[in-house]
Amino acid sequence: MNAYTQDLDRNEANYAMLTPVSFLSRTAYTWPQRTSVIHGSRRYTWRQTYDRSRRLASALVRRGVRSGDTVAVMLANTPEMIEANFGVPMTGAVLNALNTRLDAQAIAFMLEHGEAKVLLTDTEFAPTIRDALSRLKRRPWLIDIADLEGPGGELLGEIDYEALLAEGDPDFEWQPPADEWQAISLNYTSGTTGNPKGVVYHHRGAYLNALSNIIDWGMPRHSVYLWTLPLFHCNGWCFAWTMAANAGVNVCLRRVEAKAIFDAIRDHRVTHYCGAPIVHSLLINAPEEMKRGITHKVSALVAAAAPPAATIEGMERIGFDITHVYGLTETYGPAAICAKHDEWAALSIGERTERNGRQGVRYTAEEAMTVMDPVTMREVPWDGQTMGEVMFRGNITMKGYLKNPTATAEAFAGGWYHTGDLAVMQSDGYVKIRDRSKDVIISGGENVSSLEVEDALYRHPAVAAAAVVAQPDPKWGETPCAFVELKPGAAATEAELIAHCQQLLARFKTPKKVIFGDIPKTSTGKIQKFLLREKVKSVAAIE
């Protein structure tokens, strides 16, 4: 013991557990009358959002929700989804935001695996939820949300959301977690190796990444943020918590459509939004009349596969400031950013595009990011040539995979989180991804497992062998391309196999192209996917 530790202990006066819920309470106290959420004709202030979140927490506790329980939500980007990001953690429970694009089988797996005690569901998704519930041994307690901006749908629950809030106390005295390592949310991967894995976030990481978004993007206080990014995706990259810390405005958006986006940007003077390359391409290729009247600066984050040069150049030409970020579900969304340098402004648009398309450097709140040889665990040279695996460590890396100690141990082997992405370190220390070691296809920002698509193809009686790789797509970034060998004497068309897959998979996972013929294999029968990737590139170049 030394002088700096003797009699200098942690206590309630000098130490508090970090939780992003505290951002909401501070902003409601400091700027109670500022607008927090806009959704169609609905407007809420930060005081109202805080009150509604506390009512939700209070009502859930009265209905038996306890610390460590799972509360699942199947919601669009609506005020209720934002409130759930605060109200659920206030109870000590864990928020599980479900991907609304998935099929009933996948949703049922997640509800079962996560042991959801409560499910808040938008009536638009009633058909999927009804099917999913029929597959469960134990049904969660259902709460319906009938959004006036939505298409409507069947009521499945015992109570609707507004009635539930009426049961709650707006002065509910929530408490920070006893330990900031406590789980705050559960987010499922898209099942890149079979069933999806449940990624667990903690309060500390959510708090730090929410602030990192502000710092690394340089967001001014009271920014106006448009929800083009699904809130179910990595908890919206922590931006529900970010906007509370920022005391800004959440502009909700149920569907990603060019006119709706440009109208919102113009009407509400949106300053920031996020999305996969497909969102930006949608705006670039929109009719010119939709873009008129936007004279203020708009900043955008782009993630998923490295954005095509056409996307970066296109956004610059319409006057939007685009920044590339990189991360995974396991890193709370973005954990790296292509931090810009003033000198880049003097470069040609092509040179700027090359620099801005890199995965870059670690986020402020992430402790380390590098490229290492996964066997020796040594950092690769900064030569732009030597490939290794991108790895992270620090406070914005997941707790681990729920009920999957083997996968957790593999992911954290050697004291680093292994992303499975292959990259080089460039001479300035910026990371540039070259390939994906796990054959994950990123289509419209969603992960698609090649193994899952191959499994669907193998279920067709005419298929003898199948292999799926990514093919470049100007709209989605990447889409699945299937190579198929048919059984002797069997017949099948491209349209038939695609329709077959659509019966088994979510639509975004189905192949967009099927190529018939012999599939190259090693002497031991292993499919040589690198040759298939080259073939896809050749076909794309010809087309």
Protein backbone atom coordinates (compact mmCIF):
# COMPACT_ATOMS: atom_id res chain seq x y z
CA MET A 1 0.00 0.00 0.00
CA ASN A 2 1.26 3.49 -0.82
CA ALA A 3 0.13 7.01 -0.02
CA TYR A 4 -2.14 7.09 -3.07
CA THR A 5 -4.14 4.07 -1.98
CA GLN A 6 -4.15 4.45 1.79
CA ASP A 7 -7.50 5.79 3.03
CA LEU A 8 -8.48 6.74 -0.53
CA ASP A 9 -11.30 4.33 -1.17
CA ARG A 10 -14.17 4.28 -3.59
CA ASN A 11 -17.43 5.52 -2.13
CA GLU A 12 -20.78 6.90 -3.23
CA ALA A 13 -19.35 10.40 -3.43
CA ASN A 14 -16.52 9.62 -5.82
CA TYR A 15 -17.52 6.55 -7.83
CA ALA A 16 -20.60 5.59 -9.83
CA MET A 17 -21.39 2.73 -12.17
CA LEU A 18 -21.53 3.82 -15.80
CA THR A 19 -24.87 3.38 -17.57
CA PRO A 20 -26.21 5.18 -20.67
CA VAL A 21 -29.56 5.58 -18.90
CA SER A 22 -27.93 8.43 -16.96
CA PHE A 23 -27.69 10.44 -20.20
CA LEU A 24 -31.46 10.55 -20.39
CA SER A 25 -31.94 11.71 -16.81
CA ARG A 26 -29.35 14.51 -17.24
CA THR A 27 -30.78 15.76 -20.53
CA ALA A 28 -34.34 15.69 -19.19
CA TYR A 29 -33.12 17.76 -16.23
CA THR A 30 -31.03 20.21 -18.26
CA TRP A 31 -33.10 20.61 -21.45
CA PRO A 32 -36.58 19.35 -20.49
CA GLN A 33 -38.44 21.32 -23.17
CA ARG A 34 -36.17 20.57 -26.11
CA THR A 35 -37.57 18.17 -28.70
CA SER A 36 -36.37 14.61 -28.24
CA VAL A 37 -38.36 12.61 -30.80
CA ILE A 38 -40.27 13.40 -33.99
CA HIS A 39 -42.46 10.75 -35.62
CA GLY A 40 -45.11 11.84 -38.07
CA SER A 41 -47.49 14.07 -36.14
CA ARG A 42 -46.06 12.99 -32.79
CA ARG A 43 -43.58 15.18 -30.92
CA TYR A 44 -42.00 14.53 -27.54
CA THR A 45 -39.70 16.59 -25.36
CA TRP A 46 -36.81 15.12 -23.41
CA ARG A 47 -38.88 15.45 -20.24
CA GLN A 48 -41.67 13.45 -21.84
CA THR A 49 -39.32 10.77 -23.17
CA TYR A 50 -37.85 10.39 -19.69
CA ASP A 51 -41.33 10.17 -18.14
CA ARG A 52 -42.50 7.62 -20.71
CA SER A 53 -39.39 5.51 -20.26
CA ARG A 54 -39.89 5.51 -16.50
CA ARG A 55 -43.55 4.59 -16.94
CA LEU A 56 -42.46 1.65 -19.10
CA ALA A 57 -39.94 0.52 -16.50
CA SER A 58 -42.43 0.88 -13.67
CA ALA A 59 -45.16 -1.03 -15.51
CA LEU A 60 -42.77 -3.85 -16.43
CA VAL A 61 -41.62 -4.20 -12.82
CA ARG A 62 -45.23 -4.28 -11.63
CA ARG A 63 -45.85 -7.04 -14.15
CA GLY A 64 -43.00 -9.12 -12.74
CA VAL A 65 -39.95 -8.16 -14.81
CA ARG A 66 -36.79 -8.51 -12.73
CA SER A 67 -33.08 -7.89 -13.09
CA GLY A 68 -31.57 -10.34 -15.58
CA ASP A 69 -34.84 -11.04 -17.40
CA THR A 70 -34.97 -10.62 -21.17
CA VAL A 71 -37.40 -8.17 -22.76
CA ALA A 72 -37.56 -8.65 -26.53
CA VAL A 73 -38.87 -6.08 -29.00
CA MET A 74 -39.97 -6.53 -32.62
CA LEU A 75 -40.29 -2.90 -33.59
CA ALA A 76 -39.66 -0.44 -36.39
CA ASN A 77 -37.80 2.83 -35.77
CA THR A 78 -40.49 4.45 -33.63
CA PRO A 79 -40.60 6.40 -30.35
CA GLU A 80 -41.47 3.18 -28.50
CA MET A 81 -38.22 1.59 -29.68
CA ILE A 82 -36.21 4.54 -28.37
CA GLU A 83 -38.06 4.40 -25.05
CA ALA A 84 -37.32 0.67 -24.74
CA ASN A 85 -33.59 1.41 -24.90
CA PHE A 86 -34.00 3.26 -21.61
CA GLY A 87 -37.07 1.78 -19.94
CA VAL A 88 -35.91 -1.84 -20.13
CA PRO A 89 -32.42 -1.21 -18.65
CA MET A 90 -34.05 0.87 -15.88
CA THR A 91 -35.56 -2.37 -14.58
CA GLY A 92 -32.23 -4.22 -14.66
CA ALA A 93 -33.58 -6.38 -17.49
CA VAL A 94 -31.82 -6.99 -20.81
CA LEU A 95 -33.15 -5.55 -24.08
CA ASN A 96 -33.25 -7.93 -27.06
CA ALA A 97 -34.07 -6.03 -30.25
CA LEU A 98 -35.13 -8.52 -32.94
CA ASN A 99 -34.33 -8.12 -36.62
CA THR A 100 -37.69 -7.37 -38.26
CA ARG A 101 -36.43 -8.74 -41.59
CA LEU A 102 -35.98 -12.29 -40.35
CA ASP A 103 -38.37 -15.17 -40.79
CA ALA A 104 -40.47 -16.81 -38.07
CA GLN A 105 -38.06 -19.70 -37.55
CA ALA A 106 -35.14 -17.38 -36.78
CA ILE A 107 -37.28 -15.18 -34.51
CA ALA A 108 -38.54 -18.25 -32.63
CA PHE A 109 -34.98 -19.43 -32.06
CA MET A 110 -33.99 -16.05 -30.60
CA LEU A 111 -37.01 -15.83 -28.32
CA GLU A 112 -36.35 -19.35 -27.07
CA HIS A 113 -32.58 -19.02 -26.71
CA GLY A 114 -32.80 -15.60 -25.05
CA GLU A 115 -35.62 -16.79 -22.76
CA ALA A 116 -37.68 -13.69 -23.51
CA LYS A 117 -40.10 -12.98 -20.68
CA VAL A 118 -41.82 -10.09 -22.46
CA LEU A 119 -42.22 -9.21 -26.13
CA LEU A 120 -43.18 -5.76 -27.41
CA THR A 121 -44.31 -6.11 -31.01
CA ASP A 122 -45.48 -3.74 -33.74
CA THR A 123 -48.68 -4.92 -35.38
CA GLU A 124 -47.01 -4.75 -38.81
CA PHE A 125 -45.02 -7.85 -37.87
CA ALA A 126 -47.98 -9.83 -36.51
CA PRO A 127 -47.83 -12.58 -39.19
CA THR A 128 -44.18 -13.36 -38.43
CA ILE A 129 -44.70 -13.16 -34.67
CA ARG A 130 -47.80 -15.38 -34.75
CA ASP A 131 -45.84 -18.03 -36.67
CA ALA A 132 -42.84 -17.69 -34.34
CA LEU A 133 -44.97 -18.04 -31.21
CA SER A 134 -46.53 -21.24 -32.54
CA ARG A 135 -43.05 -22.79 -32.48
CA LEU A 136 -42.31 -21.95 -28.82
CA LYS A 137 -42.73 -24.14 -25.77
CA ARG A 138 -43.17 -21.08 -23.59
CA ARG A 139 -44.69 -17.85 -24.90
CA PRO A 140 -43.51 -14.47 -23.63
CA TRP A 141 -46.04 -11.96 -22.38
CA LEU A 142 -47.09 -9.87 -25.41
CA ILE A 143 -47.55 -6.11 -25.66
CA ASP A 144 -48.93 -4.65 -28.92
CA ILE A 145 -47.80 -1.39 -30.48
CA ALA A 146 -50.18 -0.01 -33.11
CA ASP A 147 -48.24 2.84 -34.72
CA LEU A 148 -50.41 5.34 -36.59
CA GLU A 149 -47.62 5.78 -39.13
CA GLY A 150 -47.56 2.04 -39.79
CA PRO A 151 -49.74 -0.19 -41.97
CA GLY A 152 -51.70 -1.63 -39.06
CA GLY A 153 -52.16 -5.31 -38.41
CA GLU A 154 -53.49 -7.94 -36.06
CA LEU A 155 -53.40 -7.44 -32.30
CA LEU A 156 -51.77 -10.44 -30.63
CA GLY A 157 -51.06 -9.17 -27.12
CA GLU A 158 -52.91 -8.91 -23.87
CA ILE A 159 -52.47 -5.12 -23.69
CA ASP A 160 -51.36 -2.29 -25.93
CA TYR A 161 -48.32 -0.13 -25.21
CA GLU A 162 -50.11 3.08 -24.25
CA ALA A 163 -52.34 1.20 -21.81
CA LEU A 164 -49.24 -0.37 -20.30
CA LEU A 165 -47.63 3.07 -19.86
CA ALA A 166 -50.79 4.27 -18.12
CA GLU A 167 -50.12 1.64 -15.44
CA GLY A 168 -46.61 2.99 -14.84
CA ASP A 169 -45.24 5.71 -12.59
CA PRO A 170 -43.48 8.66 -14.33
CA ASP A 171 -41.51 9.18 -11.09
CA PHE A 172 -40.27 5.58 -10.98
CA GLU A 173 -37.02 5.56 -9.01
CA TRP A 174 -34.75 3.47 -11.17
CA GLN A 175 -31.29 2.57 -9.96
CA PRO A 176 -28.01 2.24 -11.87
CA PRO A 177 -26.76 -1.34 -12.18
CA ALA A 178 -25.00 -2.76 -9.17
CA ASP A 179 -22.13 -3.50 -11.53
CA GLU A 180 -21.53 -1.74 -14.86
CA TRP A 181 -20.46 -5.14 -16.23
CA GLN A 182 -24.14 -6.13 -15.95
CA ALA A 183 -25.78 -6.99 -19.27
CA ILE A 184 -27.79 -4.20 -20.91
CA SER A 185 -28.70 -5.79 -24.24
CA LEU A 186 -28.67 -8.96 -26.28
CA ASN A 187 -28.10 -8.77 -30.04
CA TYR A 188 -28.10 -11.78 -32.32
CA THR A 189 -25.71 -12.18 -35.20
CA SER A 190 -27.19 -13.30 -38.49
CA GLY A 191 -26.12 -16.88 -37.99
CA THR A 192 -22.89 -17.04 -39.96
CA THR A 193 -22.18 -20.60 -38.79
CA GLY A 194 -25.55 -22.19 -38.20
CA ASN A 195 -27.78 -20.74 -35.51
CA PRO A 196 -27.20 -17.07 -34.70
CA LYS A 197 -25.05 -16.25 -31.69
CA GLY A 198 -26.34 -14.00 -28.92
CA VAL A 199 -23.94 -11.11 -28.37
CA VAL A 200 -24.16 -9.62 -24.88
CA TYR A 201 -23.41 -5.92 -24.23
CA HIS A 202 -22.77 -4.37 -20.81
CA HIS A 203 -23.70 -0.96 -19.40
CA ARG A 204 -20.09 0.26 -19.39
CA GLY A 205 -19.56 -0.48 -23.07
CA ALA A 206 -22.87 1.06 -24.10
CA TYR A 207 -22.05 4.23 -22.14
CA LEU A 208 -18.59 4.57 -23.64
CA ASN A 209 -19.53 3.81 -27.23
CA ALA A 210 -22.43 6.25 -27.06
CA LEU A 211 -19.96 9.00 -26.15
CA SER A 212 -17.41 7.78 -28.68
CA ASN A 213 -19.97 8.30 -31.44
CA ILE A 214 -20.14 11.98 -30.51
CA ILE A 215 -16.38 12.41 -30.17
CA ASP A 216 -15.25 10.48 -33.22
CA TRP A 217 -17.94 11.91 -35.51
CA GLY A 218 -17.52 15.41 -34.10
CA MET A 219 -21.25 15.80 -33.43
CA PRO A 220 -22.29 19.28 -32.21
CA ARG A 221 -24.66 19.57 -29.27
CA HIS A 222 -28.37 19.31 -30.25
CA SER A 223 -27.69 17.51 -33.54
CA VAL A 224 -30.72 16.28 -35.49
CA TYR A 225 -30.38 12.57 -36.22
CA LEU A 226 -32.45 10.67 -38.80
CA TRP A 227 -33.07 6.99 -38.03
CA THR A 228 -32.22 5.43 -41.40
CA LEU A 229 -30.23 2.79 -39.49
CA PRO A 230 -32.44 0.07 -37.96
CA LEU A 231 -32.56 0.37 -34.19
CA PHE A 232 -32.48 -3.43 -34.02
CA HIS A 233 -29.00 -3.43 -35.58
CA CYS A 234 -26.42 -3.41 -32.74
CA ASN A 235 -28.88 -1.29 -30.74
CA GLY A 236 -28.71 1.27 -33.54
CA TRP A 237 -24.92 1.44 -33.09
CA CYS A 238 -25.71 2.86 -29.62
CA PHE A 239 -27.16 6.03 -31.16
CA ALA A 240 -30.35 6.01 -29.07
CA TRP A 241 -28.04 6.51 -26.08
CA THR A 242 -25.80 8.88 -28.08
CA MET A 243 -28.67 11.22 -28.87
CA ALA A 244 -29.69 11.38 -25.22
CA ALA A 245 -26.14 12.37 -24.31
CA ASN A 246 -26.14 14.86 -27.19
CA ALA A 247 -29.53 16.31 -26.18
CA GLY A 248 -30.40 16.18 -29.86
CA VAL A 249 -33.45 15.22 -31.88
CA ASN A 250 -34.38 11.69 -32.98
CA VAL A 251 -36.28 11.81 -36.28
CA CYS A 252 -37.95 8.43 -36.68
CA LEU A 253 -38.32 6.66 -40.01
CA ARG A 254 -40.25 3.43 -40.49
CA ARG A 255 -39.00 2.69 -44.00
CA VAL A 256 -35.86 3.61 -45.87
CA GLU A 257 -37.17 5.38 -48.98
CA ALA A 258 -35.41 8.17 -50.84
CA LYS A 259 -38.30 10.64 -50.82
CA ALA A 260 -39.02 10.13 -47.12
CA ILE A 261 -35.34 10.64 -46.30
CA PHE A 262 -34.92 13.82 -48.36
CA ASP A 263 -38.22 15.20 -47.05
CA ALA A 264 -37.13 14.58 -43.46
CA ILE A 265 -33.71 16.14 -44.05
CA ARG A 266 -35.34 19.21 -45.58
CA ASP A 267 -38.28 19.55 -43.17
CA HIS A 268 -36.39 18.91 -39.93
CA ARG A 269 -32.94 20.12 -41.01
CA VAL A 270 -31.42 16.73 -40.26
CA THR A 271 -27.69 17.02 -39.64
CA HIS A 272 -26.66 13.35 -39.22
CA TYR A 273 -27.67 9.86 -40.31
CA CYS A 274 -26.07 6.39 -40.61
CA GLY A 275 -26.46 3.46 -42.91
CA ALA A 276 -25.07 0.71 -45.10
CA PRO A 277 -23.85 1.57 -48.63
CA ILE A 278 -27.29 0.75 -50.04
CA VAL A 279 -28.82 3.70 -48.15
CA HIS A 280 -26.31 6.13 -49.60
CA SER A 281 -26.64 4.65 -53.09
CA LEU A 282 -30.40 5.13 -52.83
CA LEU A 283 -29.88 8.84 -52.22
CA ILE A 284 -27.21 9.26 -54.87
CA ASN A 285 -29.42 7.71 -57.53
CA ALA A 286 -32.61 9.51 -56.51
CA PRO A 287 -34.23 11.98 -58.96
CA GLU A 288 -32.71 15.44 -58.76
CA GLU A 289 -36.01 17.06 -57.78
CA MET A 290 -35.97 15.10 -54.50
CA LYS A 291 -32.64 16.64 -53.54
CA ARG A 292 -33.59 20.27 -54.08
CA GLY A 293 -33.86 22.68 -51.18
CA ILE A 294 -31.23 21.07 -48.93
CA THR A 295 -28.67 23.78 -48.29
CA HIS A 296 -27.31 22.86 -44.86
CA LYS A 297 -24.46 20.45 -44.07
CA VAL A 298 -25.47 16.79 -43.72
CA SER A 299 -23.02 14.29 -42.23
CA ALA A 300 -23.33 10.56 -42.87
CA LEU A 301 -21.67 7.43 -41.52
CA VAL A 302 -21.31 4.46 -43.85
CA ALA A 303 -20.46 0.93 -42.73
CA ALA A 304 -20.83 -2.72 -43.77
CA ALA A 305 -18.57 -3.79 -46.64
CA ALA A 306 -16.09 -1.09 -47.61
CA PRO A 307 -18.16 1.44 -49.56
CA PRO A 308 -17.62 1.41 -53.31
CA ALA A 309 -15.71 4.38 -54.69
CA ALA A 310 -18.86 5.43 -56.54
CA THR A 311 -20.69 5.76 -53.21
CA ILE A 312 -18.07 7.97 -51.57
CA GLU A 313 -17.69 10.11 -54.68
CA GLY A 314 -21.44 10.28 -55.22
CA MET A 315 -22.13 11.48 -51.67
CA GLU A 316 -19.45 14.12 -51.97
CA ARG A 317 -20.95 15.38 -55.22
CA ILE A 318 -24.41 15.88 -53.67
CA GLY A 319 -22.80 17.79 -50.82
CA PHE A 320 -23.03 15.22 -48.03
CA ASP A 321 -20.00 14.67 -45.81
CA ILE A 322 -19.49 10.91 -45.58
CA THR A 323 -17.28 9.07 -43.06
CA HIS A 324 -16.50 5.36 -43.13
CA VAL A 325 -16.73 3.38 -39.88
CA TYR A 326 -16.10 -0.29 -39.21
CA GLY A 327 -17.24 -2.70 -36.55
CA LEU A 328 -19.29 -5.75 -35.81
CA THR A 329 -22.18 -6.76 -33.62
CA GLU A 330 -19.52 -7.92 -31.16
CA THR A 331 -18.08 -4.38 -30.89
CA TYR A 332 -21.33 -2.47 -30.22
CA GLY A 333 -21.43 -1.45 -33.89
CA PRO A 334 -18.67 0.95 -34.98
CA ALA A 335 -15.40 0.49 -33.12
CA ALA A 336 -13.13 1.95 -35.79
CA ILE A 337 -13.30 5.03 -37.97
CA CYS A 338 -11.47 6.30 -41.00
CA ALA A 339 -10.40 9.47 -39.21
CA LYS A 340 -9.90 12.23 -41.76
CA HIS A 341 -6.91 14.53 -42.07
CA ASP A 342 -7.09 18.15 -43.21
CA GLU A 343 -4.42 17.51 -45.85
CA TRP A 344 -6.75 15.09 -47.65
CA ALA A 345 -8.91 18.02 -48.77
CA ALA A 346 -6.19 19.03 -51.23
CA LEU A 347 -6.17 15.61 -52.90
CA SER A 348 -8.13 14.64 -56.01
CA ILE A 349 -11.54 13.08 -55.46
CA GLY A 350 -10.11 9.70 -56.44
CA GLU A 351 -7.30 9.95 -53.88
CA ARG A 352 -9.72 11.11 -51.19
CA THR A 353 -11.99 8.20 -52.02
CA GLU A 354 -9.14 5.73 -51.57
CA ARG A 355 -8.26 7.13 -48.16
CA ASN A 356 -11.85 7.49 -46.99
CA GLY A 357 -12.67 3.89 -47.97
CA ARG A 358 -10.38 2.36 -45.37
CA GLN A 359 -11.48 0.88 -42.05
CA GLY A 360 -9.07 3.22 -40.31
CA VAL A 361 -8.15 3.44 -36.65
CA ARG A 362 -9.74 2.53 -33.31
CA TYR A 363 -12.61 4.47 -31.80
CA THR A 364 -11.72 6.73 -28.88
CA ALA A 365 -13.39 4.36 -26.39
CA GLU A 366 -11.81 1.20 -27.81
CA GLU A 367 -8.46 0.33 -26.30
CA ALA A 368 -6.76 -1.22 -29.32
CA MET A 369 -7.26 -2.31 -32.93
CA THR A 370 -4.65 -4.00 -35.06
CA VAL A 371 -3.99 -6.65 -37.69
CA MET A 372 -2.28 -9.78 -36.44
CA ASP A 373 -1.21 -13.20 -37.59
CA PRO A 374 -3.89 -15.32 -35.85
CA VAL A 375 -1.43 -18.16 -35.26
CA THR A 376 1.61 -16.29 -33.91
CA MET A 377 -0.49 -13.39 -32.53
CA ARG A 378 2.12 -10.94 -33.81
CA GLU A 379 1.22 -7.70 -35.54
CA VAL A 380 1.78 -7.73 -39.29
CA PRO A 381 4.21 -5.21 -40.87
CA TRP A 382 2.79 -1.85 -41.92
CA ASP A 383 3.50 -2.60 -45.56
CA GLY A 384 0.03 -2.67 -47.11
CA GLN A 385 0.74 -6.19 -48.35
CA THR A 386 1.00 -8.66 -45.46
CA MET A 387 -2.43 -9.99 -44.56
CA GLY A 388 -3.59 -10.82 -41.10
CA GLU A 389 -6.78 -10.78 -39.06
CA VAL A 390 -8.37 -7.61 -37.69
CA MET A 391 -8.50 -7.76 -33.89
CA PHE A 392 -9.91 -5.54 -31.16
CA ARG A 393 -9.63 -5.28 -27.41
CA GLY A 394 -11.13 -2.85 -24.94
CA ASN A 395 -14.28 -1.61 -23.30
CA ILE A 396 -16.48 -1.65 -26.39
CA THR A 397 -16.01 -5.33 -27.03
CA MET A 398 -18.85 -7.66 -26.05
CA LYS A 399 -19.06 -9.61 -22.80
CA GLY A 400 -19.30 -12.76 -24.92
CA TYR A 401 -21.83 -15.05 -26.56
CA LEU A 402 -24.87 -16.06 -24.51
CA LYS A 403 -24.78 -19.74 -23.46
CA ASN A 404 -21.87 -20.41 -25.82
CA PRO A 405 -18.60 -20.63 -23.85
CA THR A 406 -16.79 -22.42 -26.67
CA ALA A 407 -17.49 -19.68 -29.22
CA THR A 408 -16.65 -17.02 -26.61
CA ALA A 409 -13.30 -18.62 -25.86
CA GLU A 410 -12.50 -18.90 -29.57
CA ALA A 411 -13.44 -15.28 -30.17
CA PHE A 412 -11.16 -14.05 -27.36
CA ALA A 413 -8.21 -16.40 -27.95
CA GLY A 414 -4.91 -14.75 -27.01
CA GLY A 415 -6.57 -11.84 -25.25
CA TRP A 416 -7.96 -10.23 -28.41
CA TYR A 417 -11.34 -10.33 -30.13
CA HIS A 418 -10.90 -12.09 -33.48
CA THR A 419 -13.13 -10.51 -36.15
CA GLY A 420 -12.50 -13.08 -38.89
CA ASP A 421 -11.84 -10.22 -41.33
CA LEU A 422 -8.55 -10.32 -43.23
CA ALA A 423 -6.74 -7.03 -43.70
CA VAL A 424 -3.44 -5.23 -44.13
CA MET A 425 -1.86 -2.43 -42.12
CA GLN A 426 -0.98 0.48 -44.35
CA SER A 427 2.09 2.64 -43.85
CA ASP A 428 0.19 5.24 -41.82
CA GLY A 429 -1.23 2.62 -39.43
CA TYR A 430 -4.69 2.60 -41.01
CA VAL A 431 -6.39 -0.77 -41.46
CA LYS A 432 -7.65 -1.85 -44.88
CA ILE A 433 -9.78 -5.01 -45.18
CA ARG A 434 -8.93 -7.32 -48.09
CA ASP A 435 -11.19 -10.34 -47.54
CA ARG A 436 -13.38 -12.20 -45.06
CA SER A 437 -12.06 -15.40 -43.65
CA LYS A 438 -15.50 -16.68 -42.66
CA ASP A 439 -17.17 -16.20 -46.05
CA VAL A 440 -19.76 -13.84 -44.65
CA ILE A 441 -21.69 -11.94 -47.29
CA ILE A 442 -22.76 -8.42 -46.25
CA SER A 443 -25.88 -7.52 -48.19
CA GLY A 444 -27.49 -4.18 -47.47
CA GLY A 445 -25.74 -4.08 -44.11
CA GLU A 446 -27.03 -7.53 -43.08
CA ASN A 447 -24.79 -10.55 -42.60
CA VAL A 448 -25.62 -13.55 -44.77
CA SER A 449 -24.04 -16.90 -44.01
CA SER A 450 -22.86 -18.73 -47.13
CA LEU A 451 -23.25 -21.97 -45.18
CA GLU A 452 -26.90 -21.22 -44.43
CA VAL A 453 -27.67 -20.50 -48.09
CA GLU A 454 -25.78 -23.61 -49.17
CA ASP A 455 -27.82 -25.68 -46.73
CA ALA A 456 -31.03 -24.38 -48.29
CA LEU A 457 -29.79 -25.25 -51.77
CA TYR A 458 -28.84 -28.75 -50.69
CA ARG A 459 -32.43 -29.31 -49.64
CA HIS A 460 -33.52 -29.21 -53.27
CA PRO A 461 -33.71 -32.76 -54.63
CA ALA A 462 -31.84 -31.90 -57.83
CA VAL A 463 -28.76 -30.37 -56.16
CA ALA A 464 -25.63 -32.49 -55.79
CA ALA A 465 -23.22 -29.78 -54.68
CA ALA A 466 -23.52 -26.09 -53.87
CA ALA A 467 -21.20 -23.24 -52.96
CA VAL A 468 -22.14 -19.64 -52.27
CA VAL A 469 -19.90 -16.59 -52.46
CA ALA A 470 -20.43 -12.85 -52.56
CA GLN A 471 -20.95 -11.07 -55.82
CA PRO A 472 -20.64 -7.29 -56.15
CA ASP A 473 -23.96 -5.50 -56.38
CA PRO A 474 -24.36 -1.77 -57.11
CA LYS A 475 -27.45 -1.50 -54.90
CA TRP A 476 -26.85 -3.91 -51.99
CA GLY A 477 -23.05 -3.86 -51.88
CA GLU A 478 -22.94 -7.65 -52.04
CA THR A 479 -25.47 -10.39 -52.76
CA PRO A 480 -25.20 -14.20 -52.64
CA CYS A 481 -24.15 -15.93 -55.85
CA ALA A 482 -24.70 -19.71 -55.94
CA PHE A 483 -22.66 -22.27 -57.85
CA VAL A 484 -24.59 -25.51 -58.29
CA GLU A 485 -23.85 -29.01 -59.55
CA LEU A 486 -26.96 -31.01 -60.40
CA LYS A 487 -27.41 -34.68 -59.75
CA PRO A 488 -27.08 -36.96 -62.80
CA GLY A 489 -30.31 -36.93 -64.78
CA ALA A 490 -31.80 -34.13 -62.63
CA ALA A 491 -32.96 -30.75 -63.91
CA ALA A 492 -33.54 -27.37 -62.29
CA THR A 493 -33.60 -23.78 -63.46
CA GLU A 494 -32.15 -20.68 -61.84
CA ALA A 495 -35.65 -19.35 -61.11
CA GLU A 496 -36.68 -22.65 -59.55
CA LEU A 497 -33.70 -22.74 -57.16
CA ILE A 498 -34.14 -19.11 -56.15
CA ALA A 499 -37.83 -19.73 -55.44
CA HIS A 500 -36.88 -22.83 -53.43
CA CYS A 501 -34.51 -20.77 -51.28
CA GLN A 502 -37.14 -18.09 -50.75
CA GLN A 503 -39.28 -20.73 -49.05
CA LEU A 504 -36.51 -21.43 -46.52
CA LEU A 505 -34.67 -18.15 -46.03
CA ALA A 506 -35.30 -14.48 -45.42
CA ARG A 507 -35.52 -12.77 -48.80
CA PHE A 508 -32.24 -10.85 -48.44
CA LYS A 509 -30.40 -14.15 -47.92
CA THR A 510 -31.56 -15.81 -51.14
CA PRO A 511 -29.18 -16.07 -54.12
CA LYS A 512 -29.62 -13.42 -56.78
CA LYS A 513 -27.73 -15.49 -59.33
CA VAL A 514 -27.21 -19.23 -59.90
CA ILE A 515 -24.36 -20.56 -62.04
CA PHE A 516 -24.56 -24.23 -63.09
CA GLY A 517 -21.55 -26.44 -63.70
CA ASP A 518 -18.70 -28.33 -62.06
CA ILE A 519 -17.51 -26.77 -58.80
CA PRO A 520 -13.70 -26.74 -58.34
CA LYS A 521 -12.50 -28.88 -55.42
CA THR A 522 -9.24 -29.96 -53.84
CA SER A 523 -8.06 -33.58 -53.93
CA THR A 524 -9.79 -34.10 -50.60
CA GLY A 525 -13.09 -32.76 -51.92
CA LYS A 526 -12.96 -29.31 -50.30
CA ILE A 527 -14.56 -26.61 -52.44
CA GLN A 528 -12.10 -23.97 -53.62
CA LYS A 529 -14.09 -20.82 -52.98
CA PHE A 530 -11.26 -18.50 -53.95
CA LEU A 531 -11.61 -19.74 -57.53
CA LEU A 532 -15.35 -19.11 -57.41
CA ARG A 533 -14.78 -15.56 -56.19
CA GLU A 534 -12.48 -14.94 -59.13
CA LYS A 535 -15.09 -16.33 -61.50
CA VAL A 536 -17.76 -14.06 -60.02
CA LYS A 537 -15.49 -11.05 -60.54
CA SER A 538 -14.89 -12.08 -64.15
CA VAL A 539 -18.60 -12.49 -64.83
CA ALA A 540 -19.34 -9.14 -63.17
CA ALA A 541 -16.66 -7.44 -65.28
CA ILE A 542 -18.16 -8.85 -68.49
CA GLU A 543 -21.70 -7.87 -67.51
